[in-house]
Amino acid sequence: MTQLSRREFTQATLGSLLGYSLLETIFRQDAFADEVKPLAIEWLKQVNSLAADVRDQKLKQVEWQKQIEALFQKIDPADVLPLIDFDALTKDLKIVDNGANSLRPKFPKIEGLPTEYVFGRQVFALKKGRSVVPHGHDNMATAFLILKGDFHGRLYDRVKDEKSHILIKPTTDREFHRGEASSISDDKDNVHWFQAKSETAFIFNIHVLNVRPGKGEATGRVYLDPNGEKLADGLIRAKRLEHKQAHEIYG
């Protein structure tokens, strides 16, 4: 019997493992695609089309919010899970003790689906009591779909920016459950804060960047403290926060 050197044995073993891993990936991708329903494929195409319309300013942001929320609430979250390969995405997931995990789902390569998407996407995973901390957005439109679990959601209109504060006005303060949706834009409900109320909770998020092209505005989050000074007409003078501060207070 020929004896293998340690190096030869290691190379042979690694080759087998890599081969198995590659086969496992291929089989998983095939199963992933097979689980996706035609209605979910059509839904995703419509999401991408709406994202293109708001990015290209063919659709006003407030109108986009109406349409994307209606579209999100038409889909059963159970049909979205195979679309983002939720089981693989969350396998061995350890949810952080502060704030939320931000997971990056991939869509399957299926005939009829776009090869590139106009929007970015994330899945937020949270433990009970943890939050997607209070923040607004600049030059961005975004929408949430509750995939699993329950949340306490608060939304605010962003009325006026000041150097160290932002004037906001509450618009929504209620429980959000599986299958419910919300959205924000530069023009309506620009600030949001979602806190998990169930043991674990998951949100599917899309975001469309640069919805005000040509104005030189950077895209990104603006963190703030909504428990600020209460003013007349329901306004709140919310202090601007850094990322770390926001998570220390609300994460």
C-alpha atoms as a PDB file:
ATOM      1  CA  MET A   1       0.000   0.000   0.000  1.00  0.00           C
ATOM      2  CA  THR A   2       1.353   3.395  -0.974  1.00  0.00           C
ATOM      3  CA  GLN A   3       1.840   5.672   2.005  1.00  0.00           C
ATOM      4  CA  LEU A   4       0.785   9.308   1.639  1.00  0.00           C
ATOM      5  CA  SER A   5       2.920  12.073   3.008  1.00  0.00           C
ATOM      6  CA  ARG A   6       1.306  14.545   5.375  1.00  0.00           C
ATOM      7  CA  ARG A   7       1.232  17.150   2.599  1.00  0.00           C
ATOM      8  CA  GLU A   8      -0.340  14.736   0.099  1.00  0.00           C
ATOM      9  CA  PHE A   9      -2.924  13.652   2.661  1.00  0.00           C
ATOM     10  CA  THR A  10      -3.799  17.284   3.462  1.00  0.00           C
ATOM     11  CA  GLN A  11      -4.119  18.154  -0.227  1.00  0.00           C
ATOM     12  CA  ALA A  12      -6.318  15.140  -0.907  1.00  0.00           C
ATOM     13  CA  THR A  13      -8.521  15.890   2.104  1.00  0.00           C
ATOM     14  CA  LEU A  14      -8.886  19.561   1.195  1.00  0.00           C
ATOM     15  CA  GLY A  15      -9.713  18.613  -2.373  1.00  0.00           C
ATOM     16  CA  SER A  16     -12.486  16.325  -1.183  1.00  0.00           C
ATOM     17  CA  LEU A  17     -13.848  18.937   1.198  1.00  0.00           C
ATOM     18  CA  LEU A  18     -13.794  21.636  -1.466  1.00  0.00           C
ATOM     19  CA  GLY A  19     -15.499  19.314  -3.909  1.00  0.00           C
ATOM     20  CA  TYR A  20     -18.189  18.485  -1.352  1.00  0.00           C
ATOM     21  CA  SER A  21     -18.618  22.154  -0.460  1.00  0.00           C
ATOM     22  CA  LEU A  22     -18.996  23.102  -4.125  1.00  0.00           C
ATOM     23  CA  LEU A  23     -21.540  20.365  -4.731  1.00  0.00           C
ATOM     24  CA  GLU A  24     -23.439  21.358  -1.595  1.00  0.00           C
ATOM     25  CA  THR A  25     -23.527  24.982  -2.803  1.00  0.00           C
ATOM     26  CA  ILE A  26     -24.782  23.966  -6.255  1.00  0.00           C
ATOM     27  CA  PHE A  27     -27.494  21.714  -4.816  1.00  0.00           C
ATOM     28  CA  ARG A  28     -28.512  24.427  -2.345  1.00  0.00           C
ATOM     29  CA  GLN A  29     -28.790  27.009  -5.120  1.00  0.00           C
ATOM     30  CA  ASP A  30     -30.934  24.655  -7.190  1.00  0.00           C
ATOM     31  CA  ALA A  31     -33.197  23.938  -4.214  1.00  0.00           C
ATOM     32  CA  PHE A  32     -33.270  27.652  -3.408  1.00  0.00           C
ATOM     33  CA  ALA A  33     -34.539  28.478  -6.912  1.00  0.00           C
ATOM     34  CA  ASP A  34     -37.058  25.618  -6.933  1.00  0.00           C
ATOM     35  CA  GLU A  35     -38.694  26.851  -3.705  1.00  0.00           C
ATOM     36  CA  VAL A  36     -39.446  30.316  -5.102  1.00  0.00           C
ATOM     37  CA  LYS A  37     -43.042  30.732  -6.237  1.00  0.00           C
ATOM     38  CA  PRO A  38     -43.969  32.482  -9.518  1.00  0.00           C
ATOM     39  CA  LEU A  39     -45.949  35.111  -7.590  1.00  0.00           C
ATOM     40  CA  ALA A  40     -42.811  35.947  -5.558  1.00  0.00           C
ATOM     41  CA  ILE A  41     -40.841  36.354  -8.798  1.00  0.00           C
ATOM     42  CA  GLU A  42     -43.451  38.751 -10.156  1.00  0.00           C
ATOM     43  CA  TRP A  43     -43.529  40.618  -6.839  1.00  0.00           C
ATOM     44  CA  LEU A  44     -39.768  41.104  -6.873  1.00  0.00           C
ATOM     45  CA  LYS A  45     -39.893  42.415 -10.447  1.00  0.00           C
ATOM     46  CA  GLN A  46     -42.506  44.977  -9.369  1.00  0.00           C
ATOM     47  CA  VAL A  47     -40.385  46.021  -6.364  1.00  0.00           C
ATOM     48  CA  ASN A  48     -37.451  46.647  -8.688  1.00  0.00           C
ATOM     49  CA  SER A  49     -39.615  48.559 -11.160  1.00  0.00           C
ATOM     50  CA  LEU A  50     -40.956  50.857  -8.422  1.00  0.00           C
ATOM     51  CA  ALA A  51     -37.432  51.415  -7.130  1.00  0.00           C
ATOM     52  CA  ALA A  52     -36.334  52.481 -10.602  1.00  0.00           C
ATOM     53  CA  ASP A  53     -39.281  54.882 -10.891  1.00  0.00           C
ATOM     54  CA  VAL A  54     -38.494  56.690  -7.622  1.00  0.00           C
ATOM     55  CA  ARG A  55     -34.761  56.767  -8.328  1.00  0.00           C
ATOM     56  CA  ASP A  56     -35.342  58.244 -11.789  1.00  0.00           C
ATOM     57  CA  GLN A  57     -37.923  60.690 -10.378  1.00  0.00           C
ATOM     58  CA  LYS A  58     -40.702  59.257 -12.523  1.00  0.00           C
ATOM     59  CA  LEU A  59     -42.619  58.778  -9.280  1.00  0.00           C
ATOM     60  CA  LYS A  60     -42.800  61.243  -6.403  1.00  0.00           C
ATOM     61  CA  GLN A  61     -41.424  59.855  -3.166  1.00  0.00           C
ATOM     62  CA  VAL A  62     -44.722  60.036  -1.263  1.00  0.00           C
ATOM     63  CA  GLU A  63     -46.507  58.204  -4.088  1.00  0.00           C
ATOM     64  CA  TRP A  64     -43.733  55.604  -4.102  1.00  0.00           C
ATOM     65  CA  GLN A  65     -44.344  55.080  -0.384  1.00  0.00           C
ATOM     66  CA  LYS A  66     -48.030  54.402  -0.970  1.00  0.00           C
ATOM     67  CA  GLN A  67     -47.321  51.949  -3.758  1.00  0.00           C
ATOM     68  CA  ILE A  68     -44.416  50.111  -2.132  1.00  0.00           C
ATOM     69  CA  GLU A  69     -46.302  49.638   1.144  1.00  0.00           C
ATOM     70  CA  ALA A  70     -49.313  48.286  -0.739  1.00  0.00           C
ATOM     71  CA  LEU A  71     -47.042  45.935  -2.708  1.00  0.00           C
ATOM     72  CA  PHE A  72     -45.220  44.752   0.417  1.00  0.00           C
ATOM     73  CA  GLN A  73     -48.522  43.989   2.137  1.00  0.00           C
ATOM     74  CA  LYS A  74     -49.731  41.915  -0.828  1.00  0.00           C
ATOM     75  CA  ILE A  75     -47.017  39.294  -0.400  1.00  0.00           C
ATOM     76  CA  ASP A  76     -47.124  36.568   2.233  1.00  0.00           C
ATOM     77  CA  PRO A  77     -43.830  36.710   4.169  1.00  0.00           C
ATOM     78  CA  ALA A  78     -43.719  32.921   3.834  1.00  0.00           C
ATOM     79  CA  ASP A  79     -43.218  33.455   0.088  1.00  0.00           C
ATOM     80  CA  VAL A  80     -40.416  35.976   0.661  1.00  0.00           C
ATOM     81  CA  LEU A  81     -38.375  33.592   2.842  1.00  0.00           C
ATOM     82  CA  PRO A  82     -37.365  31.256  -0.040  1.00  0.00           C
ATOM     83  CA  LEU A  83     -36.713  34.301  -2.233  1.00  0.00           C
ATOM     84  CA  ILE A  84     -33.943  35.447   0.136  1.00  0.00           C
ATOM     85  CA  ASP A  85     -32.911  31.906   1.164  1.00  0.00           C
ATOM     86  CA  PHE A  86     -33.789  32.774   4.748  1.00  0.00           C
ATOM     87  CA  ASP A  87     -32.776  29.402   6.223  1.00  0.00           C
ATOM     88  CA  ALA A  88     -29.251  29.622   4.824  1.00  0.00           C
ATOM     89  CA  LEU A  89     -29.029  33.328   5.649  1.00  0.00           C
ATOM     90  CA  THR A  90     -29.821  32.759   9.325  1.00  0.00           C
ATOM     91  CA  LYS A  91     -28.093  29.389   9.811  1.00  0.00           C
ATOM     92  CA  ASP A  92     -26.038  29.437  13.036  1.00  0.00           C
ATOM     93  CA  LEU A  93     -26.924  33.122  13.470  1.00  0.00           C
ATOM     94  CA  LYS A  94     -25.995  34.690  16.791  1.00  0.00           C
ATOM     95  CA  ILE A  95     -28.087  37.814  17.225  1.00  0.00           C
ATOM     96  CA  VAL A  96     -26.178  40.712  18.723  1.00  0.00           C
ATOM     97  CA  ASP A  97     -26.953  42.006  22.208  1.00  0.00           C
ATOM     98  CA  ASN A  98     -27.156  45.625  21.069  1.00  0.00           C
ATOM     99  CA  GLY A  99     -28.965  46.906  17.999  1.00  0.00           C
ATOM    100  CA  ALA A 100     -29.557  44.551  15.076  1.00  0.00           C
ATOM    101  CA  ASN A 101     -27.654  42.147  12.868  1.00  0.00           C
ATOM    102  CA  SER A 102     -27.619  43.391   9.285  1.00  0.00           C
ATOM    103  CA  LEU A 103     -27.731  40.390   6.934  1.00  0.00           C
ATOM    104  CA  ARG A 104     -27.225  40.668   3.166  1.00  0.00           C
ATOM    105  CA  PRO A 105     -29.567  38.356   1.261  1.00  0.00           C
ATOM    106  CA  LYS A 106     -28.967  37.237  -2.313  1.00  0.00           C
ATOM    107  CA  PHE A 107     -31.765  36.667  -4.771  1.00  0.00           C
ATOM    108  CA  PRO A 108     -31.824  33.508  -6.905  1.00  0.00           C
ATOM    109  CA  LYS A 109     -30.796  33.548 -10.543  1.00  0.00           C
ATOM    110  CA  ILE A 110     -34.089  32.675 -12.180  1.00  0.00           C
ATOM    111  CA  GLU A 111     -35.271  33.378 -15.697  1.00  0.00           C
ATOM    112  CA  GLY A 112     -37.442  36.490 -15.675  1.00  0.00           C
ATOM    113  CA  LEU A 113     -35.730  38.130 -12.713  1.00  0.00           C
ATOM    114  CA  PRO A 114     -33.377  41.103 -13.150  1.00  0.00           C
ATOM    115  CA  THR A 115     -29.649  40.368 -13.225  1.00  0.00           C
ATOM    116  CA  GLU A 116     -29.060  43.632 -11.352  1.00  0.00           C
ATOM    117  CA  TYR A 117     -31.284  45.444  -8.860  1.00  0.00           C
ATOM    118  CA  VAL A 118     -31.912  49.147  -8.443  1.00  0.00           C
ATOM    119  CA  PHE A 119     -32.264  48.827  -4.682  1.00  0.00           C
ATOM    120  CA  GLY A 120     -30.080  47.583  -1.851  1.00  0.00           C
ATOM    121  CA  ARG A 121     -31.496  45.059   0.603  1.00  0.00           C
ATOM    122  CA  GLN A 122     -30.928  43.861   4.127  1.00  0.00           C
ATOM    123  CA  VAL A 123     -32.533  41.623   6.708  1.00  0.00           C
ATOM    124  CA  PHE A 124     -32.409  42.993  10.244  1.00  0.00           C
ATOM    125  CA  ALA A 125     -32.384  40.404  13.031  1.00  0.00           C
ATOM    126  CA  LEU A 126     -33.129  41.468  16.595  1.00  0.00           C
ATOM    127  CA  LYS A 127     -33.578  40.082  20.080  1.00  0.00           C
ATOM    128  CA  LYS A 128     -36.457  41.104  22.305  1.00  0.00           C
ATOM    129  CA  GLY A 129     -36.048  44.665  23.534  1.00  0.00           C
ATOM    130  CA  ARG A 130     -33.364  45.550  20.975  1.00  0.00           C
ATOM    131  CA  SER A 131     -33.907  48.252  18.364  1.00  0.00           C
ATOM    132  CA  VAL A 132     -33.256  49.447  14.907  1.00  0.00           C
ATOM    133  CA  VAL A 133     -32.272  52.696  16.602  1.00  0.00           C
ATOM    134  CA  PRO A 134     -34.004  56.033  15.874  1.00  0.00           C
ATOM    135  CA  HIS A 135     -32.657  57.592  12.694  1.00  0.00           C
ATOM    136  CA  GLY A 136     -33.613  59.441   9.556  1.00  0.00           C
ATOM    137  CA  HIS A 137     -32.162  59.346   6.057  1.00  0.00           C
ATOM    138  CA  ASP A 138     -30.704  61.810   3.605  1.00  0.00           C
ATOM    139  CA  ASN A 139     -31.366  61.385  -0.115  1.00  0.00           C
ATOM    140  CA  MET A 140     -32.822  57.921   0.340  1.00  0.00           C
ATOM    141  CA  ALA A 141     -36.160  56.084   0.203  1.00  0.00           C
ATOM    142  CA  THR A 142     -36.558  52.870   2.168  1.00  0.00           C
ATOM    143  CA  ALA A 143     -39.241  50.337   3.069  1.00  0.00           C
ATOM    144  CA  PHE A 144     -39.684  47.629   5.733  1.00  0.00           C
ATOM    145  CA  LEU A 145     -41.571  44.337   5.659  1.00  0.00           C
ATOM    146  CA  ILE A 146     -41.967  42.440   8.940  1.00  0.00           C
ATOM    147  CA  LEU A 147     -40.882  38.884   8.111  1.00  0.00           C
ATOM    148  CA  LYS A 148     -41.163  37.337  11.559  1.00  0.00           C
ATOM    149  CA  GLY A 149     -42.001  38.508  15.053  1.00  0.00           C
ATOM    150  CA  ASP A 150     -43.493  41.684  16.489  1.00  0.00           C
ATOM    151  CA  PHE A 151     -42.250  45.249  16.782  1.00  0.00           C
ATOM    152  CA  HIS A 152     -43.160  48.549  18.344  1.00  0.00           C
ATOM    153  CA  GLY A 153     -42.749  51.035  15.515  1.00  0.00           C
ATOM    154  CA  ARG A 154     -42.510  54.807  15.770  1.00  0.00           C
ATOM    155  CA  LEU A 155     -42.299  57.157  12.786  1.00  0.00           C
ATOM    156  CA  TYR A 156     -41.820  60.914  12.646  1.00  0.00           C
ATOM    157  CA  ASP A 157     -41.902  63.637  10.030  1.00  0.00           C
ATOM    158  CA  ARG A 158     -38.619  65.513   9.765  1.00  0.00           C
ATOM    159  CA  VAL A 159     -39.790  69.112   9.887  1.00  0.00           C
ATOM    160  CA  LYS A 160     -36.638  71.223  10.148  1.00  0.00           C
ATOM    161  CA  ASP A 161     -32.904  70.620  10.416  1.00  0.00           C
ATOM    162  CA  GLU A 162     -30.794  72.608  12.822  1.00  0.00           C
ATOM    163  CA  LYS A 163     -27.055  72.420  13.423  1.00  0.00           C
ATOM    164  CA  SER A 164     -27.232  70.221  16.532  1.00  0.00           C
ATOM    165  CA  HIS A 165     -30.930  69.253  16.543  1.00  0.00           C
ATOM    166  CA  ILE A 166     -33.729  68.208  14.204  1.00  0.00           C
ATOM    167  CA  LEU A 167     -37.364  69.217  14.671  1.00  0.00           C
ATOM    168  CA  ILE A 168     -39.570  66.154  14.268  1.00  0.00           C
ATOM    169  CA  LYS A 169     -43.282  65.423  14.619  1.00  0.00           C
ATOM    170  CA  PRO A 170     -44.718  61.986  15.557  1.00  0.00           C
ATOM    171  CA  THR A 171     -46.909  60.386  12.879  1.00  0.00           C
ATOM    172  CA  THR A 172     -47.111  56.698  13.896  1.00  0.00           C
ATOM    173  CA  ASP A 173     -46.774  54.934  17.243  1.00  0.00           C
ATOM    174  CA  ARG A 174     -48.114  51.364  17.232  1.00  0.00           C
ATOM    175  CA  GLU A 175     -47.394  47.640  17.150  1.00  0.00           C
ATOM    176  CA  PHE A 176     -46.265  46.103  13.847  1.00  0.00           C
ATOM    177  CA  HIS A 177     -46.747  42.398  13.161  1.00  0.00           C
ATOM    178  CA  ARG A 178     -45.762  39.814  10.560  1.00  0.00           C
ATOM    179  CA  GLY A 179     -46.695  40.946   7.045  1.00  0.00           C
ATOM    180  CA  GLU A 180     -47.048  44.630   7.897  1.00  0.00           C
ATOM    181  CA  ALA A 181     -44.996  47.293   6.136  1.00  0.00           C
ATOM    182  CA  SER A 182     -43.765  50.839   6.554  1.00  0.00           C
ATOM    183  CA  SER A 183     -41.675  53.246   4.511  1.00  0.00           C
ATOM    184  CA  ILE A 184     -39.784  56.505   4.773  1.00  0.00           C
ATOM    185  CA  SER A 185     -38.598  59.110   2.313  1.00  0.00           C
ATOM    186  CA  ASP A 186     -37.151  62.618   2.294  1.00  0.00           C
ATOM    187  CA  ASP A 187     -40.712  63.959   2.140  1.00  0.00           C
ATOM    188  CA  LYS A 188     -42.720  61.830   4.602  1.00  0.00           C
ATOM    189  CA  ASP A 189     -42.053  59.837   7.784  1.00  0.00           C
ATOM    190  CA  ASN A 190     -38.320  60.444   7.399  1.00  0.00           C
ATOM    191  CA  VAL A 191     -37.435  59.209  10.904  1.00  0.00           C
ATOM    192  CA  HIS A 192     -38.189  55.738  12.228  1.00  0.00           C
ATOM    193  CA  TRP A 193     -37.459  53.561  15.267  1.00  0.00           C
ATOM    194  CA  PHE A 194     -38.390  49.876  15.564  1.00  0.00           C
ATOM    195  CA  GLN A 195     -38.052  47.863  18.784  1.00  0.00           C
ATOM    196  CA  ALA A 196     -38.482  44.073  18.883  1.00  0.00           C
ATOM    197  CA  LYS A 197     -41.269  42.846  21.175  1.00  0.00           C
ATOM    198  CA  SER A 198     -40.981  39.089  20.501  1.00  0.00           C
ATOM    199  CA  GLU A 199     -38.083  36.803  21.480  1.00  0.00           C
ATOM    200  CA  THR A 200     -36.630  37.196  17.985  1.00  0.00           C
ATOM    201  CA  ALA A 201     -37.814  39.405  15.144  1.00  0.00           C
ATOM    202  CA  PHE A 202     -36.805  39.929  11.515  1.00  0.00           C
ATOM    203  CA  ILE A 203     -37.316  42.777   9.043  1.00  0.00           C
ATOM    204  CA  PHE A 204     -36.766  42.721   5.278  1.00  0.00           C
ATOM    205  CA  ASN A 205     -35.558  46.136   4.143  1.00  0.00           C
ATOM    206  CA  ILE A 206     -34.978  47.739   0.767  1.00  0.00           C
ATOM    207  CA  HIS A 207     -33.311  51.101   0.199  1.00  0.00           C
ATOM    208  CA  VAL A 208     -33.069  53.256  -2.915  1.00  0.00           C
ATOM    209  CA  LEU A 209     -30.164  55.702  -2.928  1.00  0.00           C
ATOM    210  CA  ASN A 210     -29.743  59.092  -4.574  1.00  0.00           C
ATOM    211  CA  VAL A 211     -33.434  59.882  -4.997  1.00  0.00           C
ATOM    212  CA  ARG A 212     -32.555  63.562  -5.364  1.00  0.00           C
ATOM    213  CA  PRO A 213     -29.905  63.339  -8.090  1.00  0.00           C
ATOM    214  CA  GLY A 214     -27.986  66.435  -9.062  1.00  0.00           C
ATOM    215  CA  LYS A 215     -28.413  68.193  -5.723  1.00  0.00           C
ATOM    216  CA  GLY A 216     -25.101  67.028  -4.315  1.00  0.00           C
ATOM    217  CA  GLU A 217     -26.653  65.490  -1.203  1.00  0.00           C
ATOM    218  CA  ALA A 218     -24.869  62.543   0.372  1.00  0.00           C
ATOM    219  CA  THR A 219     -26.942  59.456   1.164  1.00  0.00           C
ATOM    220  CA  GLY A 220     -26.910  58.006   4.650  1.00  0.00           C
ATOM    221  CA  ARG A 221     -28.373  57.781   8.125  1.00  0.00           C
ATOM    222  CA  VAL A 222     -28.915  60.653  10.552  1.00  0.00           C
ATOM    223  CA  TYR A 223     -29.109  59.469  14.170  1.00  0.00           C
ATOM    224  CA  LEU A 224     -31.121  61.434  16.728  1.00  0.00           C
ATOM    225  CA  ASP A 225     -32.841  61.270  20.114  1.00  0.00           C
ATOM    226  CA  PRO A 226     -36.647  61.453  19.687  1.00  0.00           C
ATOM    227  CA  ASN A 227     -37.126  61.877  23.445  1.00  0.00           C
ATOM    228  CA  GLY A 228     -36.170  65.528  23.207  1.00  0.00           C
ATOM    229  CA  GLU A 229     -37.672  68.851  24.170  1.00  0.00           C
ATOM    230  CA  LYS A 230     -41.416  69.001  23.451  1.00  0.00           C
ATOM    231  CA  LEU A 231     -42.473  72.128  21.606  1.00  0.00           C
ATOM    232  CA  ALA A 232     -45.790  73.571  20.396  1.00  0.00           C
ATOM    233  CA  ASP A 233     -47.940  71.784  17.780  1.00  0.00           C
ATOM    234  CA  GLY A 234     -46.603  68.359  18.777  1.00  0.00           C
ATOM    235  CA  LEU A 235     -43.063  69.090  17.624  1.00  0.00           C
ATOM    236  CA  ILE A 236     -40.015  67.558  19.322  1.00  0.00           C
ATOM    237  CA  ARG A 237     -36.549  69.132  19.265  1.00  0.00           C
ATOM    238  CA  ALA A 238     -34.441  65.979  18.844  1.00  0.00           C
ATOM    239  CA  LYS A 239     -30.710  66.120  19.479  1.00  0.00           C
ATOM    240  CA  ARG A 240     -28.451  64.767  16.743  1.00  0.00           C
ATOM    241  CA  LEU A 241     -26.464  61.717  17.862  1.00  0.00           C
ATOM    242  CA  GLU A 242     -23.474  59.741  16.667  1.00  0.00           C
ATOM    243  CA  HIS A 243     -23.888  56.054  15.780  1.00  0.00           C
ATOM    244  CA  LYS A 244     -22.307  54.928  19.079  1.00  0.00           C
ATOM    245  CA  GLN A 245     -24.440  57.291  21.165  1.00  0.00           C
ATOM    246  CA  ALA A 246     -27.654  56.134  19.485  1.00  0.00           C
ATOM    247  CA  HIS A 247     -26.833  52.492  20.224  1.00  0.00           C
ATOM    248  CA  GLU A 248     -25.815  53.216  23.800  1.00  0.00           C
ATOM    249  CA  ILE A 249     -29.201  54.836  24.448  1.00  0.00           C
ATOM    250  CA  TYR A 250     -31.577  52.833  22.240  1.00  0.00           C
ATOM    251  CA  GLY A 251     -29.755  49.771  20.897  1.00  0.00           C
END
